[in-house]
Amino acid sequence: MLSLDLLAANLLSPVVLAFVLGVVATSLKSDLEVPPAMHSAMSLFLLLAIGFKGGVAVSQASLSTLWLPLLTTVAAGIATTLFAYLVLRRFVGLSKIDAAAVSAHYGSVSAVTFIAARDLSARVFGEPEGILVALLVALEIPAILIGLWLGQRSSRGGERMWLSIREVLTGRTMMLLGGGLLIGALAGAERMQRVTPLFFTLFDGVLVLFLLDLGMAAAKRLKDVRIVGWRFVAFTVAVPITHGVFGVWLGTALGFSPGGAAVFGAMLSSASYIAAPAAVRMGLPEANPSLYLTAALGLTFPFNLALGIPIYLAVARALS
């Protein structure tokens, strides 16, 4: 099902190769580094650009075509969070607090995984549906709320939960994606042409630099793998694949193109390492950060970037 051509198209893309370069540089103790200010600027640029693209697509769609995918996405986010929690409790053997913290990350979404999946899908199948950006925003919140609720049932953290909700809603990811989506929807395709040279033309180049930085960050988290155990490592691969294949099937059932279904699968398979850690750190301070950060950024993100996304594309091709 997974062809060598599809695998090569992904592994030899500048995005993946830049990530590998970052991992190699850190592993060899190179002095290569990306200044923190540049990392923040690139993150701001990418999230806002993705929001703009999705907003333009939403401006051209009718409400009747949006409500079912939005409701389905929210339900899928809740389902994947609960599934991850059950696996972490019964198979991995984590405590309630740690299982809840990790499951919040795995029911939520990685915007960078979405961007990488969208990039490969566009090259293989053509441009996927623009409304996927709206679904990306919808997927961010429910999983974090469910994860916090699962953890705080035994930690008396009701007040912290509301602080965490505010953290998610006012955090950088939600403000840039949601704000960009709103701007693109209100401005429309014609008015957005004015900013196309900056936000759309330069997008791929900035993405390569951002993945170089993430490669270095992921390599640093890999040092913690030895403390998490083989069951936890297996979870970081098996559960994303399960979520991803389920997402591809769900996207196909919703009527998405093969490329759109593959991107939707990649969204469900991904683990948040920006919004979720900030919310969990505030809402579940007792949880072990090494577990959820190592899992999301050090293990699942590299797996999806190298192998997961081509698998979801192959499944989408087979289902179509």
Protein backbone atom coordinates (compact mmCIF):
# COMPACT_ATOMS: atom_id res chain seq x y z
CA MET A 1 0.00 0.00 0.00
CA LEU A 2 2.84 2.41 0.89
CA SER A 3 4.74 2.86 -2.39
CA LEU A 4 8.44 3.70 -2.56
CA ASP A 5 7.61 6.70 -4.76
CA LEU A 6 5.33 8.14 -2.10
CA LEU A 7 7.85 7.49 0.65
CA ALA A 8 10.66 9.05 -1.39
CA ALA A 9 8.53 12.09 -2.22
CA ASN A 10 8.18 12.72 1.51
CA LEU A 11 11.62 11.77 2.81
CA LEU A 12 13.43 13.71 0.07
CA SER A 13 11.36 16.85 0.48
CA PRO A 14 13.23 19.96 1.72
CA VAL A 15 10.96 20.10 4.80
CA VAL A 16 11.87 16.61 6.05
CA LEU A 17 15.53 16.93 5.09
CA ALA A 18 15.78 20.22 7.01
CA PHE A 19 14.33 18.47 10.07
CA VAL A 20 16.91 15.67 9.70
CA LEU A 21 19.69 18.26 9.43
CA GLY A 22 18.56 19.77 12.73
CA VAL A 23 18.59 16.34 14.42
CA VAL A 24 22.07 15.54 13.03
CA ALA A 25 23.47 18.94 14.03
CA THR A 26 22.32 18.53 17.63
CA SER A 27 23.48 14.90 17.79
CA LEU A 28 26.96 15.96 16.65
CA LYS A 29 26.97 18.80 19.24
CA SER A 30 27.25 21.45 16.52
CA ASP A 31 27.09 25.12 17.48
CA LEU A 32 24.23 25.56 14.99
CA GLU A 33 21.26 27.29 16.63
CA VAL A 34 18.24 29.36 15.72
CA PRO A 35 17.79 32.45 17.94
CA PRO A 36 14.64 32.25 20.10
CA ALA A 37 13.37 35.51 18.62
CA MET A 38 13.61 34.04 15.11
CA HIS A 39 11.76 30.89 16.21
CA SER A 40 8.91 33.04 17.55
CA ALA A 41 8.80 35.12 14.38
CA MET A 42 8.67 32.05 12.13
CA SER A 43 5.95 30.48 14.27
CA LEU A 44 3.91 33.67 14.08
CA PHE A 45 4.34 33.84 10.29
CA LEU A 46 3.39 30.21 9.60
CA LEU A 47 0.33 30.13 11.85
CA LEU A 48 -1.00 33.44 10.52
CA ALA A 49 -0.39 32.40 6.90
CA ILE A 50 -2.25 29.11 7.42
CA GLY A 51 -5.11 31.03 9.03
CA PHE A 52 -5.27 33.40 6.05
CA LYS A 53 -5.46 30.50 3.58
CA GLY A 54 -8.21 28.80 5.53
CA GLY A 55 -10.14 32.04 5.91
CA VAL A 56 -10.17 32.61 2.17
CA ALA A 57 -11.51 29.09 1.68
CA VAL A 58 -14.19 29.62 4.34
CA SER A 59 -15.26 32.88 2.66
CA GLN A 60 -16.04 30.89 -0.47
CA ALA A 61 -17.93 28.09 1.34
CA SER A 62 -21.50 28.01 2.61
CA LEU A 63 -22.49 27.31 6.20
CA SER A 64 -24.31 24.17 5.09
CA THR A 65 -21.00 22.63 3.99
CA LEU A 66 -19.20 23.53 7.24
CA TRP A 67 -21.42 22.44 10.13
CA LEU A 68 -21.13 18.66 9.67
CA PRO A 69 -17.29 18.60 9.33
CA LEU A 70 -17.00 20.94 12.34
CA LEU A 71 -19.22 18.80 14.58
CA THR A 72 -17.48 15.63 13.39
CA THR A 73 -14.08 17.13 14.16
CA VAL A 74 -15.07 18.07 17.70
CA ALA A 75 -16.46 14.56 18.29
CA ALA A 76 -13.30 13.01 16.84
CA GLY A 77 -11.12 15.12 19.14
CA ILE A 78 -13.05 13.91 22.18
CA ALA A 79 -12.96 10.28 21.02
CA THR A 80 -9.20 10.24 20.35
CA THR A 81 -8.49 11.81 23.75
CA LEU A 82 -10.54 9.19 25.59
CA PHE A 83 -8.99 6.36 23.56
CA ALA A 84 -5.45 7.59 24.29
CA TYR A 85 -6.31 7.88 28.00
CA LEU A 86 -7.59 4.29 28.15
CA VAL A 87 -4.47 2.95 26.42
CA LEU A 88 -2.17 4.93 28.71
CA ARG A 89 -3.97 3.67 31.82
CA ARG A 90 -4.46 0.02 30.89
CA PHE A 91 -1.51 -0.77 28.62
CA VAL A 92 1.21 1.70 29.57
CA GLY A 93 0.24 1.90 33.25
CA LEU A 94 0.54 5.66 33.78
CA SER A 95 -1.06 7.39 36.74
CA LYS A 96 -4.38 9.18 36.21
CA ILE A 97 -2.71 12.59 36.19
CA ASP A 98 0.02 11.68 33.70
CA ALA A 99 -2.36 9.71 31.47
CA ALA A 100 -4.74 12.67 31.36
CA ALA A 101 -1.90 15.09 30.56
CA VAL A 102 -0.53 12.97 27.72
CA SER A 103 -3.97 12.16 26.29
CA ALA A 104 -4.75 15.90 26.08
CA HIS A 105 -1.76 16.24 23.74
CA TYR A 106 -2.77 13.27 21.59
CA GLY A 107 -6.38 14.35 21.17
CA SER A 108 -5.25 17.85 20.23
CA VAL A 109 -3.37 18.77 17.05
CA SER A 110 0.07 19.81 15.83
CA ALA A 111 -0.17 22.73 13.42
CA VAL A 112 3.26 21.92 11.96
CA THR A 113 2.24 18.31 11.24
CA PHE A 114 -0.82 19.73 9.49
CA ILE A 115 1.37 22.05 7.42
CA ALA A 116 3.75 19.23 6.44
CA ALA A 117 0.84 16.92 5.52
CA ARG A 118 -0.80 19.65 3.49
CA ASP A 119 2.46 20.30 1.65
CA LEU A 120 2.97 16.65 0.64
CA SER A 121 -0.72 16.15 -0.15
CA ALA A 122 -0.68 19.16 -2.49
CA ARG A 123 2.28 17.67 -4.37
CA VAL A 124 0.73 14.19 -4.64
CA PHE A 125 -3.00 14.82 -5.03
CA GLY A 126 -3.34 18.55 -5.59
CA GLU A 127 -4.47 21.29 -3.21
CA PRO A 128 -6.62 19.86 -0.35
CA GLU A 129 -9.80 21.50 0.92
CA GLY A 130 -9.24 24.92 2.47
CA ILE A 131 -11.83 24.37 5.22
CA LEU A 132 -9.37 21.98 6.88
CA VAL A 133 -7.85 25.03 8.57
CA ALA A 134 -11.19 25.74 10.25
CA LEU A 135 -11.23 22.11 11.39
CA LEU A 136 -7.68 22.53 12.70
CA VAL A 137 -8.88 25.34 14.96
CA ALA A 138 -11.91 23.28 16.06
CA LEU A 139 -9.71 20.32 16.98
CA GLU A 140 -7.43 22.28 19.30
CA ILE A 141 -9.73 22.93 22.24
CA PRO A 142 -11.98 19.89 23.02
CA ALA A 143 -9.12 17.45 23.64
CA ILE A 144 -7.35 19.79 26.04
CA LEU A 145 -10.57 20.35 27.99
CA ILE A 146 -11.31 16.62 28.20
CA GLY A 147 -7.72 15.88 29.26
CA LEU A 148 -7.83 18.52 31.99
CA TRP A 149 -11.19 17.21 33.21
CA LEU A 150 -9.87 13.64 33.38
CA GLY A 151 -6.85 14.76 35.38
CA GLN A 152 -8.57 17.18 37.67
CA ARG A 153 -11.28 14.76 38.78
CA SER A 154 -8.71 13.47 41.26
CA SER A 155 -6.73 16.64 41.91
CA ARG A 156 -9.36 19.24 42.92
CA GLY A 157 -8.28 21.63 40.23
CA GLY A 158 -11.52 23.27 39.12
CA GLU A 159 -10.16 26.81 39.33
CA ARG A 160 -6.99 25.83 37.47
CA MET A 161 -9.11 24.33 34.70
CA TRP A 162 -10.75 27.65 33.94
CA LEU A 163 -7.34 29.31 33.90
CA SER A 164 -6.17 26.65 31.46
CA ILE A 165 -9.16 27.22 29.20
CA ARG A 166 -8.27 30.90 29.09
CA GLU A 167 -4.66 29.94 28.33
CA VAL A 168 -5.80 27.91 25.32
CA LEU A 169 -8.23 30.51 23.99
CA THR A 170 -5.83 33.45 24.33
CA GLY A 171 -2.65 31.53 23.50
CA ARG A 172 -0.50 32.21 20.46
CA THR A 173 -1.69 29.24 18.41
CA MET A 174 -5.40 29.93 18.80
CA MET A 175 -5.08 33.70 18.36
CA LEU A 176 -3.00 33.43 15.18
CA LEU A 177 -4.90 30.55 13.56
CA GLY A 178 -8.32 31.80 14.62
CA GLY A 179 -7.48 35.46 13.97
CA GLY A 180 -5.97 34.68 10.57
CA LEU A 181 -9.01 32.57 9.71
CA LEU A 182 -11.33 35.45 10.60
CA ILE A 183 -9.25 38.01 8.66
CA GLY A 184 -9.13 35.79 5.58
CA ALA A 185 -12.87 35.11 5.75
CA LEU A 186 -13.77 38.79 6.13
CA ALA A 187 -11.30 40.07 3.54
CA GLY A 188 -11.98 37.43 0.90
CA ALA A 189 -9.75 36.17 -1.90
CA GLU A 190 -9.53 39.43 -3.85
CA ARG A 191 -8.40 41.64 -0.95
CA MET A 192 -5.98 38.98 0.34
CA GLN A 193 -4.07 39.23 -2.94
CA ARG A 194 -2.29 42.26 -1.47
CA VAL A 195 -0.43 40.11 1.07
CA THR A 196 0.10 37.08 -1.18
CA PRO A 197 3.79 37.87 -1.95
CA LEU A 198 4.68 37.81 1.75
CA PHE A 199 2.45 35.18 3.34
CA PHE A 200 1.91 32.74 0.49
CA THR A 201 4.98 32.99 -1.78
CA LEU A 202 7.54 32.84 1.05
CA PHE A 203 5.68 30.18 3.02
CA ASP A 204 7.71 27.13 1.92
CA GLY A 205 11.06 28.78 2.59
CA VAL A 206 10.10 29.82 6.12
CA LEU A 207 8.73 26.31 6.75
CA VAL A 208 12.13 24.78 5.90
CA LEU A 209 13.88 27.03 8.43
CA PHE A 210 11.25 26.27 11.05
CA LEU A 211 11.66 22.50 10.60
CA LEU A 212 15.43 22.89 10.95
CA ASP A 213 14.81 24.47 14.36
CA LEU A 214 12.29 21.77 15.33
CA GLY A 215 14.78 19.07 14.37
CA MET A 216 17.21 20.45 16.92
CA ALA A 217 14.47 20.69 19.56
CA ALA A 218 13.30 17.12 18.90
CA ALA A 219 16.85 15.75 19.15
CA LYS A 220 17.19 17.24 22.62
CA ARG A 221 13.96 15.55 23.75
CA LEU A 222 15.16 12.16 22.45
CA LYS A 223 17.61 12.01 25.35
CA ASP A 224 14.64 11.42 27.66
CA VAL A 225 13.40 8.34 25.78
CA ARG A 226 15.37 6.00 28.05
CA ILE A 227 13.27 6.99 31.07
CA VAL A 228 9.80 6.37 29.56
CA GLY A 229 9.91 2.61 28.84
CA TRP A 230 9.10 0.52 25.78
CA ARG A 231 5.33 0.48 26.37
CA PHE A 232 5.24 4.26 26.30
CA VAL A 233 7.39 4.38 23.15
CA ALA A 234 5.03 1.86 21.50
CA PHE A 235 2.10 4.10 22.45
CA THR A 236 3.67 7.10 20.68
CA VAL A 237 3.63 5.19 17.39
CA ALA A 238 0.68 2.78 17.59
CA VAL A 239 -1.93 5.27 18.83
CA PRO A 240 -1.08 7.96 16.22
CA ILE A 241 -1.36 5.36 13.44
CA THR A 242 -4.73 4.24 14.81
CA HIS A 243 -5.94 7.84 15.05
CA GLY A 244 -4.56 8.63 11.61
CA VAL A 245 -6.18 5.71 9.77
CA PHE A 246 -9.46 6.45 11.57
CA GLY A 247 -9.14 10.09 10.49
CA VAL A 248 -8.55 9.16 6.84
CA TRP A 249 -11.64 6.94 6.88
CA LEU A 250 -13.65 9.70 8.56
CA GLY A 251 -12.44 12.31 6.09
CA THR A 252 -13.37 10.05 3.18
CA ALA A 253 -16.84 9.52 4.70
CA LEU A 254 -17.24 13.31 4.95
CA GLY A 255 -16.62 13.57 1.21
CA PHE A 256 -13.12 15.05 1.28
CA SER A 257 -10.77 14.50 -1.64
CA PRO A 258 -8.05 11.85 -1.11
CA GLY A 259 -5.60 14.62 -0.25
CA GLY A 260 -8.02 16.26 2.17
CA ALA A 261 -8.80 12.92 3.85
CA ALA A 262 -5.07 12.25 4.27
CA VAL A 263 -4.50 15.66 5.84
CA PHE A 264 -7.47 15.11 8.16
CA GLY A 265 -5.92 11.78 9.18
CA ALA A 266 -2.59 13.50 9.87
CA MET A 267 -4.41 16.06 12.03
CA LEU A 268 -6.00 13.36 14.20
CA SER A 269 -2.74 11.42 14.41
CA SER A 270 -0.67 14.38 15.57
CA ALA A 271 0.13 15.47 19.11
CA SER A 272 0.19 19.10 20.19
CA TYR A 273 3.46 20.48 21.55
CA ILE A 274 2.61 24.19 21.63
CA ALA A 275 -0.90 24.86 22.98
CA ALA A 276 -1.40 21.66 24.99
CA PRO A 277 1.85 21.87 27.03
CA ALA A 278 1.04 25.44 28.07
CA ALA A 279 -2.48 24.51 29.18
CA VAL A 280 -1.44 21.28 30.91
CA ARG A 281 1.43 22.97 32.71
CA MET A 282 -1.08 25.35 34.27
CA GLY A 283 -4.03 22.99 34.72
CA LEU A 284 -2.15 19.83 35.78
CA PRO A 285 1.11 21.01 37.37
CA GLU A 286 1.53 17.59 39.05
CA ALA A 287 1.95 15.88 35.65
CA ASN A 288 5.45 14.96 34.47
CA PRO A 289 6.50 17.30 31.59
CA SER A 290 9.17 14.85 30.40
CA LEU A 291 6.44 12.38 29.47
CA TYR A 292 4.21 14.58 27.35
CA LEU A 293 6.97 16.69 25.78
CA THR A 294 9.15 13.69 24.89
CA ALA A 295 6.15 11.85 23.48
CA ALA A 296 4.71 14.68 21.39
CA LEU A 297 7.85 16.38 20.10
CA GLY A 298 10.59 13.77 20.47
CA LEU A 299 8.76 10.69 19.20
CA THR A 300 5.38 11.19 17.52
CA PHE A 301 6.24 14.32 15.54
CA PRO A 302 9.35 12.78 13.88
CA PHE A 303 7.44 9.55 13.19
CA ASN A 304 4.57 11.37 11.50
CA LEU A 305 6.91 13.61 9.56
CA ALA A 306 8.95 10.69 8.16
CA LEU A 307 6.48 7.78 7.89
CA GLY A 308 3.05 8.66 9.25
CA ILE A 309 2.04 11.21 6.60
CA PRO A 310 2.96 8.90 3.65
CA ILE A 311 0.97 6.10 5.35
CA TYR A 312 -2.14 8.29 5.58
CA LEU A 313 -1.73 9.36 1.96
CA ALA A 314 -1.49 5.70 0.92
CA VAL A 315 -4.59 4.79 2.94
CA ALA A 316 -6.48 7.71 1.39
CA ARG A 317 -5.45 6.56 -2.07
CA ALA A 318 -6.63 3.03 -1.33
CA LEU A 319 -9.99 4.18 0.06
CA SER A 320 -10.59 6.44 -2.93
